[in-house]
Amino acid sequence: MARPKQAETMSAISVRLPKSMIAEVDECAERLEEETPLFSISRTDAIRCLLQIGLAEFEKRGLRKK
């Protein structure tokens, strides 16, 4: 079975994070997985989710132009 087409292509990036921040991301992933029991949430999924929330908040505060 083929994967559905994405609306937007993705690019890979590499980021160095302190171990404490990685632990917080992992906690977020665990919490998201508990809230959505039928889905497996990876660290990458959690980082995407946190970035979306952060960017939305940034825009909400008027710090980001559309």
N, C-alpha and C. Protein backbone atom coordinates (compact mmCIF):
# COMPACT_ATOMS: atom_id res chain seq x y z
N MET A 1 0.84 -1.17 0.00
CA MET A 1 0.00 0.00 0.00
C MET A 1 0.89 1.24 0.00
N ALA A 2 0.66 2.14 -0.90
CA ALA A 2 1.46 3.36 -1.01
C ALA A 2 1.03 4.38 0.03
N ARG A 3 1.99 5.20 0.42
CA ARG A 3 1.69 6.28 1.36
C ARG A 3 0.90 7.37 0.68
N PRO A 4 -0.02 8.02 1.41
CA PRO A 4 -0.74 9.14 0.79
C PRO A 4 0.21 10.30 0.53
N LYS A 5 -0.07 11.06 -0.51
CA LYS A 5 0.78 12.20 -0.85
C LYS A 5 0.67 13.28 0.21
N GLN A 6 1.79 13.87 0.53
CA GLN A 6 1.84 14.97 1.49
C GLN A 6 1.48 16.27 0.78
N ALA A 7 0.81 17.16 1.48
CA ALA A 7 0.48 18.47 0.90
C ALA A 7 1.74 19.30 0.70
N GLU A 8 2.74 19.02 1.51
CA GLU A 8 3.98 19.77 1.44
C GLU A 8 5.14 18.80 1.65
N THR A 9 6.22 18.98 0.91
CA THR A 9 7.37 18.10 1.09
C THR A 9 8.11 18.50 2.37
N MET A 10 8.82 17.55 2.95
CA MET A 10 9.55 17.80 4.19
C MET A 10 11.04 17.77 3.92
N SER A 11 11.76 18.52 4.72
CA SER A 11 13.22 18.53 4.67
C SER A 11 13.73 18.09 6.03
N ALA A 12 14.84 17.40 6.03
CA ALA A 12 15.46 16.96 7.28
C ALA A 12 16.41 18.04 7.79
N ILE A 13 16.40 18.22 9.10
CA ILE A 13 17.36 19.13 9.74
C ILE A 13 17.98 18.40 10.92
N SER A 14 19.13 18.86 11.32
CA SER A 14 19.81 18.28 12.47
C SER A 14 19.95 19.37 13.53
N VAL A 15 19.61 19.03 14.76
CA VAL A 15 19.65 20.01 15.84
C VAL A 15 20.32 19.38 17.06
N ARG A 16 21.19 20.12 17.69
CA ARG A 16 21.80 19.67 18.94
C ARG A 16 21.00 20.26 20.09
N LEU A 17 20.60 19.40 21.02
CA LEU A 17 19.82 19.85 22.17
C LEU A 17 20.45 19.31 23.45
N PRO A 18 20.32 20.07 24.53
CA PRO A 18 20.80 19.55 25.82
C PRO A 18 19.99 18.32 26.23
N LYS A 19 20.61 17.43 26.97
CA LYS A 19 19.93 16.20 27.40
C LYS A 19 18.66 16.51 28.18
N SER A 20 18.68 17.59 28.96
CA SER A 20 17.50 17.95 29.75
C SER A 20 16.32 18.31 28.84
N MET A 21 16.61 18.98 27.73
CA MET A 21 15.54 19.37 26.80
C MET A 21 15.01 18.13 26.07
N ILE A 22 15.90 17.21 25.74
CA ILE A 22 15.48 15.97 25.09
C ILE A 22 14.57 15.18 26.03
N ALA A 23 14.90 15.19 27.32
CA ALA A 23 14.06 14.50 28.30
C ALA A 23 12.67 15.14 28.36
N GLU A 24 12.61 16.47 28.26
CA GLU A 24 11.31 17.15 28.26
C GLU A 24 10.51 16.80 27.01
N VAL A 25 11.18 16.73 25.87
CA VAL A 25 10.51 16.35 24.62
C VAL A 25 9.96 14.93 24.74
N ASP A 26 10.76 14.04 25.32
CA ASP A 26 10.32 12.65 25.50
C ASP A 26 9.10 12.58 26.42
N GLU A 27 9.09 13.42 27.47
CA GLU A 27 7.93 13.47 28.36
C GLU A 27 6.69 13.94 27.60
N CYS A 28 6.86 14.93 26.74
CA CYS A 28 5.75 15.41 25.91
C CYS A 28 5.24 14.30 25.00
N ALA A 29 6.18 13.55 24.40
CA ALA A 29 5.79 12.44 23.52
C ALA A 29 4.99 11.41 24.29
N GLU A 30 5.42 11.08 25.50
CA GLU A 30 4.70 10.10 26.32
C GLU A 30 3.30 10.61 26.66
N ARG A 31 3.21 11.88 27.00
CA ARG A 31 1.91 12.47 27.35
C ARG A 31 0.97 12.47 26.14
N LEU A 32 1.51 12.85 24.97
CA LEU A 32 0.69 12.83 23.76
C LEU A 32 0.21 11.43 23.44
N GLU A 33 1.08 10.46 23.66
CA GLU A 33 0.72 9.07 23.39
C GLU A 33 -0.37 8.59 24.35
N GLU A 34 -0.32 9.05 25.60
CA GLU A 34 -1.36 8.70 26.57
C GLU A 34 -2.71 9.31 26.16
N GLU A 35 -2.66 10.54 25.62
CA GLU A 35 -3.88 11.23 25.21
C GLU A 35 -4.48 10.67 23.92
N THR A 36 -3.65 10.02 23.13
CA THR A 36 -4.11 9.43 21.87
C THR A 36 -3.68 7.95 21.85
N PRO A 37 -4.39 7.10 22.59
CA PRO A 37 -3.94 5.72 22.79
C PRO A 37 -3.81 4.87 21.53
N LEU A 38 -4.47 5.22 20.46
CA LEU A 38 -4.36 4.41 19.24
C LEU A 38 -3.19 4.81 18.36
N PHE A 39 -2.46 5.86 18.75
CA PHE A 39 -1.33 6.34 17.95
C PHE A 39 -0.03 6.19 18.70
N SER A 40 1.01 5.88 17.96
CA SER A 40 2.35 5.84 18.53
C SER A 40 3.01 7.18 18.22
N ILE A 41 3.45 7.89 19.24
CA ILE A 41 4.04 9.22 19.07
C ILE A 41 5.55 9.11 19.27
N SER A 42 6.29 9.45 18.25
CA SER A 42 7.75 9.40 18.34
C SER A 42 8.29 10.73 18.84
N ARG A 43 9.57 10.75 19.14
CA ARG A 43 10.23 12.00 19.53
C ARG A 43 10.10 13.03 18.41
N THR A 44 10.24 12.58 17.17
CA THR A 44 10.12 13.48 16.02
C THR A 44 8.72 14.08 15.94
N ASP A 45 7.70 13.25 16.15
CA ASP A 45 6.32 13.74 16.16
C ASP A 45 6.13 14.80 17.24
N ALA A 46 6.69 14.53 18.43
CA ALA A 46 6.56 15.47 19.54
C ALA A 46 7.25 16.79 19.21
N ILE A 47 8.42 16.73 18.60
CA ILE A 47 9.14 17.95 18.24
C ILE A 47 8.34 18.75 17.22
N ARG A 48 7.75 18.07 16.22
CA ARG A 48 6.92 18.77 15.24
C ARG A 48 5.74 19.46 15.92
N CYS A 49 5.09 18.75 16.82
CA CYS A 49 3.94 19.29 17.54
C CYS A 49 4.36 20.51 18.37
N LEU A 50 5.45 20.40 19.10
CA LEU A 50 5.93 21.51 19.92
C LEU A 50 6.32 22.72 19.08
N LEU A 51 6.92 22.46 17.92
CA LEU A 51 7.26 23.57 17.01
C LEU A 51 6.01 24.26 16.49
N GLN A 52 4.99 23.47 16.13
CA GLN A 52 3.74 24.07 15.65
C GLN A 52 3.10 24.93 16.73
N ILE A 53 3.09 24.44 17.96
CA ILE A 53 2.52 25.21 19.07
C ILE A 53 3.34 26.48 19.30
N GLY A 54 4.65 26.35 19.28
CA GLY A 54 5.52 27.51 19.49
C GLY A 54 5.36 28.55 18.40
N LEU A 55 5.28 28.12 17.16
CA LEU A 55 5.11 29.06 16.04
C LEU A 55 3.75 29.74 16.10
N ALA A 56 2.72 29.00 16.49
CA ALA A 56 1.39 29.59 16.61
C ALA A 56 1.38 30.66 17.71
N GLU A 57 2.03 30.37 18.81
CA GLU A 57 2.12 31.33 19.92
C GLU A 57 2.94 32.56 19.50
N PHE A 58 4.00 32.33 18.78
CA PHE A 58 4.84 33.41 18.28
C PHE A 58 4.02 34.34 17.38
N GLU A 59 3.22 33.73 16.49
CA GLU A 59 2.37 34.50 15.58
C GLU A 59 1.27 35.23 16.36
N LYS A 60 0.70 34.54 17.35
CA LYS A 60 -0.36 35.12 18.17
C LYS A 60 0.12 36.39 18.88
N ARG A 61 1.37 36.40 19.27
CA ARG A 61 1.94 37.56 19.96
C ARG A 61 2.37 38.66 18.98
N GLY A 62 2.17 38.41 17.70
CA GLY A 62 2.51 39.41 16.70
C GLY A 62 3.98 39.49 16.38
N LEU A 63 4.73 38.45 16.70
CA LEU A 63 6.17 38.46 16.49
C LEU A 63 6.56 37.85 15.15
N ARG A 64 5.61 37.21 14.48
CA ARG A 64 5.89 36.54 13.21
C ARG A 64 4.93 37.08 12.17
N LYS A 65 5.47 37.43 11.03
CA LYS A 65 4.63 37.89 9.93
C LYS A 65 4.19 36.69 9.10
N LYS A 66 2.97 36.74 8.60
CA LYS A 66 2.45 35.65 7.75
C LYS A 66 3.04 35.71 6.37
